[in-house]
């Protein structure tokens, strides 16, 4: 059984690795350009699959910054039933914006929480919707190279190491 998994998964991993290398080459050589923004954009992400604590780190950053700056959080909205750009409001739910953005919205109702599967478009929409936003925190965005963050925070599971 292990040999069968290896025979199937190894070629898939080689193809995936090649695609990632090509994509990184295109970004590194600015054939595909990353978008920069005029305000600080903080990216919180990880390099492993699963819960490493990205959302708690995002919430911690919101708590640190919200009293001094007009903060917005932008998430992909994983597992939501909607598409496109949505700003959380009183009608929001885990189904419309995703469970983690909804959790952040409930915990910090005085900040802007939005979702968009395309981060650059989401940031542009946030800035067009609210001209007072001073800092944007991207939850789970380490691998999204279409946005060049001002600061990237990589969250790891200390029990797994590197």
C-alpha atoms as a PDB file:
ATOM      1  CA  UNK A   1       0.000   0.000   0.000  1.00  0.00           C
ATOM      2  CA  UNK A   2       2.815   2.428   0.842  1.00  0.00           C
ATOM      3  CA  UNK A   3       4.504   1.627  -2.469  1.00  0.00           C
ATOM      4  CA  UNK A   4       1.251   2.337  -4.334  1.00  0.00           C
ATOM      5  CA  UNK A   5       0.917   5.701  -2.594  1.00  0.00           C
ATOM      6  CA  UNK A   6       4.521   6.541  -3.473  1.00  0.00           C
ATOM      7  CA  UNK A   7       4.055   5.516  -7.107  1.00  0.00           C
ATOM      8  CA  UNK A   8       0.973   7.737  -7.381  1.00  0.00           C
ATOM      9  CA  UNK A   9       1.983  10.682  -5.205  1.00  0.00           C
ATOM     10  CA  UNK A  10       5.615  11.113  -6.250  1.00  0.00           C
ATOM     11  CA  UNK A  11       4.842  12.131  -9.860  1.00  0.00           C
ATOM     12  CA  UNK A  12       2.089  14.447  -8.624  1.00  0.00           C
ATOM     13  CA  UNK A  13       4.509  16.098  -6.176  1.00  0.00           C
ATOM     14  CA  UNK A  14       7.125  16.555  -8.917  1.00  0.00           C
ATOM     15  CA  UNK A  15       4.568  18.216 -11.201  1.00  0.00           C
ATOM     16  CA  UNK A  16       3.316  20.418  -8.353  1.00  0.00           C
ATOM     17  CA  UNK A  17       6.888  21.405  -7.456  1.00  0.00           C
ATOM     18  CA  UNK A  18       7.585  22.327 -11.072  1.00  0.00           C
ATOM     19  CA  UNK A  19       4.460  24.493 -11.241  1.00  0.00           C
ATOM     20  CA  UNK A  20       5.463  26.289  -8.021  1.00  0.00           C
ATOM     21  CA  UNK A  21       8.997  26.884  -9.360  1.00  0.00           C
ATOM     22  CA  UNK A  22       7.642  28.328 -12.604  1.00  0.00           C
ATOM     23  CA  UNK A  23       5.207  30.552 -10.703  1.00  0.00           C
ATOM     24  CA  UNK A  24       7.959  31.783  -8.367  1.00  0.00           C
ATOM     25  CA  UNK A  25      10.250  32.425 -11.350  1.00  0.00           C
ATOM     26  CA  UNK A  26       7.540  34.552 -12.964  1.00  0.00           C
ATOM     27  CA  UNK A  27       7.081  36.604  -9.785  1.00  0.00           C
ATOM     28  CA  UNK A  28      10.809  36.820  -8.993  1.00  0.00           C
ATOM     29  CA  UNK A  29      11.533  38.159 -12.481  1.00  0.00           C
ATOM     30  CA  UNK A  30       8.520  40.496 -12.384  1.00  0.00           C
ATOM     31  CA  UNK A  31       6.861  38.860 -15.370  1.00  0.00           C
ATOM     32  CA  UNK A  32       3.903  38.640 -13.005  1.00  0.00           C
ATOM     33  CA  UNK A  33       3.929  41.697 -10.773  1.00  0.00           C
ATOM     34  CA  UNK A  34       3.057  41.898  -7.111  1.00  0.00           C
ATOM     35  CA  UNK A  35       0.922  44.884  -6.134  1.00  0.00           C
ATOM     36  CA  UNK A  36       2.130  47.264  -3.427  1.00  0.00           C
ATOM     37  CA  UNK A  37      -0.137  49.620  -1.541  1.00  0.00           C
ATOM     38  CA  UNK A  38       0.364  53.049   0.033  1.00  0.00           C
ATOM     39  CA  UNK A  39      -0.564  51.857   3.525  1.00  0.00           C
ATOM     40  CA  UNK A  40       1.025  49.105   5.640  1.00  0.00           C
ATOM     41  CA  UNK A  41      -0.176  45.613   4.737  1.00  0.00           C
ATOM     42  CA  UNK A  42       0.679  42.868   7.229  1.00  0.00           C
ATOM     43  CA  UNK A  43       0.480  39.288   5.988  1.00  0.00           C
ATOM     44  CA  UNK A  44      -0.034  36.485   8.511  1.00  0.00           C
ATOM     45  CA  UNK A  45       0.534  33.011   7.119  1.00  0.00           C
ATOM     46  CA  UNK A  46       2.077  29.593   7.541  1.00  0.00           C
ATOM     47  CA  UNK A  47       3.992  26.953   5.601  1.00  0.00           C
ATOM     48  CA  UNK A  48       2.117  23.922   6.891  1.00  0.00           C
ATOM     49  CA  UNK A  49      -1.394  22.622   6.393  1.00  0.00           C
ATOM     50  CA  UNK A  50      -3.861  23.036   9.187  1.00  0.00           C
ATOM     51  CA  UNK A  51      -4.263  25.111  12.284  1.00  0.00           C
ATOM     52  CA  UNK A  52      -1.041  26.755  13.344  1.00  0.00           C
ATOM     53  CA  UNK A  53      -2.662  29.745  15.011  1.00  0.00           C
ATOM     54  CA  UNK A  54      -2.823  32.280  12.178  1.00  0.00           C
ATOM     55  CA  UNK A  55      -6.184  33.681  13.205  1.00  0.00           C
ATOM     56  CA  UNK A  56      -5.210  34.097  16.889  1.00  0.00           C
ATOM     57  CA  UNK A  57      -2.073  35.953  15.719  1.00  0.00           C
ATOM     58  CA  UNK A  58      -4.262  38.122  13.476  1.00  0.00           C
ATOM     59  CA  UNK A  59      -6.556  38.830  16.428  1.00  0.00           C
ATOM     60  CA  UNK A  60      -3.547  39.664  18.602  1.00  0.00           C
ATOM     61  CA  UNK A  61      -2.316  42.159  15.997  1.00  0.00           C
ATOM     62  CA  UNK A  62      -5.771  43.729  15.772  1.00  0.00           C
ATOM     63  CA  UNK A  63      -5.787  44.122  19.558  1.00  0.00           C
ATOM     64  CA  UNK A  64      -2.364  45.778  19.460  1.00  0.00           C
ATOM     65  CA  UNK A  65      -3.158  48.176  16.631  1.00  0.00           C
ATOM     66  CA  UNK A  66      -6.852  49.057  16.791  1.00  0.00           C
ATOM     67  CA  UNK A  67      -6.594  51.783  19.426  1.00  0.00           C
ATOM     68  CA  UNK A  68      -3.966  53.747  17.457  1.00  0.00           C
ATOM     69  CA  UNK A  69      -4.869  52.960  13.840  1.00  0.00           C
ATOM     70  CA  UNK A  70      -7.915  52.352  11.700  1.00  0.00           C
ATOM     71  CA  UNK A  71      -7.400  48.614  11.091  1.00  0.00           C
ATOM     72  CA  UNK A  72      -8.995  46.335   8.525  1.00  0.00           C
ATOM     73  CA  UNK A  73      -8.699  42.565   8.235  1.00  0.00           C
ATOM     74  CA  UNK A  74      -8.963  40.895   4.849  1.00  0.00           C
ATOM     75  CA  UNK A  75      -9.378  37.144   4.563  1.00  0.00           C
ATOM     76  CA  UNK A  76     -10.077  34.757   1.739  1.00  0.00           C
ATOM     77  CA  UNK A  77     -13.167  33.559   3.578  1.00  0.00           C
ATOM     78  CA  UNK A  78     -12.342  29.873   3.447  1.00  0.00           C
ATOM     79  CA  UNK A  79     -15.417  27.589   3.170  1.00  0.00           C
ATOM     80  CA  UNK A  80     -17.863  30.472   2.726  1.00  0.00           C
ATOM     81  CA  UNK A  81     -20.854  29.975   0.459  1.00  0.00           C
ATOM     82  CA  UNK A  82     -20.380  33.292  -1.380  1.00  0.00           C
ATOM     83  CA  UNK A  83     -17.907  34.727  -3.876  1.00  0.00           C
ATOM     84  CA  UNK A  84     -16.254  38.083  -4.421  1.00  0.00           C
ATOM     85  CA  UNK A  85     -15.686  41.013  -2.105  1.00  0.00           C
ATOM     86  CA  UNK A  86     -17.878  41.264   0.991  1.00  0.00           C
ATOM     87  CA  UNK A  87     -17.554  43.571   3.999  1.00  0.00           C
ATOM     88  CA  UNK A  88     -18.878  42.057   7.215  1.00  0.00           C
ATOM     89  CA  UNK A  89     -21.988  43.748   8.565  1.00  0.00           C
ATOM     90  CA  UNK A  90     -24.914  42.903  10.836  1.00  0.00           C
ATOM     91  CA  UNK A  91     -26.162  40.409   8.229  1.00  0.00           C
ATOM     92  CA  UNK A  92     -22.845  38.544   8.074  1.00  0.00           C
ATOM     93  CA  UNK A  93     -22.566  34.906   9.063  1.00  0.00           C
ATOM     94  CA  UNK A  94     -20.005  32.132   8.892  1.00  0.00           C
ATOM     95  CA  UNK A  95     -21.742  31.010   5.692  1.00  0.00           C
ATOM     96  CA  UNK A  96     -21.406  34.401   3.980  1.00  0.00           C
ATOM     97  CA  UNK A  97     -17.883  35.407   5.048  1.00  0.00           C
ATOM     98  CA  UNK A  98     -16.311  32.242   6.497  1.00  0.00           C
ATOM     99  CA  UNK A  99     -15.988  31.106  10.096  1.00  0.00           C
ATOM    100  CA  UNK A 100     -12.665  32.775  10.954  1.00  0.00           C
ATOM    101  CA  UNK A 101     -13.502  36.227   9.510  1.00  0.00           C
ATOM    102  CA  UNK A 102     -16.868  35.984  11.258  1.00  0.00           C
ATOM    103  CA  UNK A 103     -15.090  35.191  14.539  1.00  0.00           C
ATOM    104  CA  UNK A 104     -12.855  38.259  14.072  1.00  0.00           C
ATOM    105  CA  UNK A 105     -15.883  40.412  13.184  1.00  0.00           C
ATOM    106  CA  UNK A 106     -17.727  39.346  16.355  1.00  0.00           C
ATOM    107  CA  UNK A 107     -14.654  39.880  18.520  1.00  0.00           C
ATOM    108  CA  UNK A 108     -13.771  43.286  17.022  1.00  0.00           C
ATOM    109  CA  UNK A 109     -16.984  44.936  15.789  1.00  0.00           C
ATOM    110  CA  UNK A 110     -15.292  48.357  15.620  1.00  0.00           C
ATOM    111  CA  UNK A 111     -12.887  47.387  12.796  1.00  0.00           C
ATOM    112  CA  UNK A 112     -13.528  46.586   9.145  1.00  0.00           C
ATOM    113  CA  UNK A 113     -13.507  42.873   8.306  1.00  0.00           C
ATOM    114  CA  UNK A 114     -13.798  41.849   4.671  1.00  0.00           C
ATOM    115  CA  UNK A 115     -13.329  38.793   2.495  1.00  0.00           C
ATOM    116  CA  UNK A 116     -12.229  38.340  -1.088  1.00  0.00           C
ATOM    117  CA  UNK A 117     -10.613  35.340  -2.726  1.00  0.00           C
ATOM    118  CA  UNK A 118      -8.432  37.796  -4.677  1.00  0.00           C
ATOM    119  CA  UNK A 119      -6.374  39.706  -2.120  1.00  0.00           C
ATOM    120  CA  UNK A 120      -5.226  42.582  -4.363  1.00  0.00           C
ATOM    121  CA  UNK A 121      -8.794  43.249  -5.491  1.00  0.00           C
ATOM    122  CA  UNK A 122      -9.979  42.995  -1.894  1.00  0.00           C
ATOM    123  CA  UNK A 123      -7.448  45.581  -0.715  1.00  0.00           C
ATOM    124  CA  UNK A 124      -8.409  47.949  -3.545  1.00  0.00           C
ATOM    125  CA  UNK A 125     -12.089  47.549  -2.659  1.00  0.00           C
ATOM    126  CA  UNK A 126     -11.365  48.119   1.037  1.00  0.00           C
ATOM    127  CA  UNK A 127      -9.445  51.310   0.307  1.00  0.00           C
ATOM    128  CA  UNK A 128     -12.147  52.561  -2.080  1.00  0.00           C
ATOM    129  CA  UNK A 129     -14.879  51.779   0.450  1.00  0.00           C
ATOM    130  CA  UNK A 130     -13.152  53.274   3.497  1.00  0.00           C
ATOM    131  CA  UNK A 131     -10.575  56.013   2.881  1.00  0.00           C
ATOM    132  CA  UNK A 132      -9.692  56.065   6.606  1.00  0.00           C
ATOM    133  CA  UNK A 133      -8.112  52.589   6.726  1.00  0.00           C
ATOM    134  CA  UNK A 134      -4.495  52.909   7.895  1.00  0.00           C
ATOM    135  CA  UNK A 135      -3.392  49.259   8.257  1.00  0.00           C
ATOM    136  CA  UNK A 136      -4.616  46.074   6.579  1.00  0.00           C
ATOM    137  CA  UNK A 137      -3.953  42.643   8.062  1.00  0.00           C
ATOM    138  CA  UNK A 138      -4.186  39.724   5.645  1.00  0.00           C
ATOM    139  CA  UNK A 139      -5.183  36.512   7.399  1.00  0.00           C
ATOM    140  CA  UNK A 140      -3.676  33.384   5.816  1.00  0.00           C
ATOM    141  CA  UNK A 141      -1.856  35.089   2.951  1.00  0.00           C
ATOM    142  CA  UNK A 142       1.771  33.926   3.062  1.00  0.00           C
ATOM    143  CA  UNK A 143       1.586  32.120  -0.281  1.00  0.00           C
ATOM    144  CA  UNK A 144      -0.308  34.917  -2.081  1.00  0.00           C
ATOM    145  CA  UNK A 145       2.338  36.713  -4.092  1.00  0.00           C
ATOM    146  CA  UNK A 146      -0.029  39.016  -5.968  1.00  0.00           C
ATOM    147  CA  UNK A 147       0.231  41.369  -2.975  1.00  0.00           C
ATOM    148  CA  UNK A 148       3.604  42.528  -1.693  1.00  0.00           C
ATOM    149  CA  UNK A 149       3.076  43.001   2.044  1.00  0.00           C
ATOM    150  CA  UNK A 150       4.956  45.558   4.111  1.00  0.00           C
ATOM    151  CA  UNK A 151       5.505  42.850   6.722  1.00  0.00           C
ATOM    152  CA  UNK A 152       5.059  39.077   6.599  1.00  0.00           C
ATOM    153  CA  UNK A 153       4.560  37.102   9.795  1.00  0.00           C
ATOM    154  CA  UNK A 154       5.087  33.367   9.448  1.00  0.00           C
ATOM    155  CA  UNK A 155       3.335  31.246  12.079  1.00  0.00           C
ATOM    156  CA  UNK A 156       4.691  27.750  12.643  1.00  0.00           C
ATOM    157  CA  UNK A 157       3.747  24.797  14.806  1.00  0.00           C
ATOM    158  CA  UNK A 158       6.687  24.591  17.206  1.00  0.00           C
ATOM    159  CA  UNK A 159       6.100  20.864  17.703  1.00  0.00           C
ATOM    160  CA  UNK A 160       6.817  20.184  14.020  1.00  0.00           C
ATOM    161  CA  UNK A 161       9.865  22.397  13.539  1.00  0.00           C
ATOM    162  CA  UNK A 162      11.296  22.859  10.083  1.00  0.00           C
END
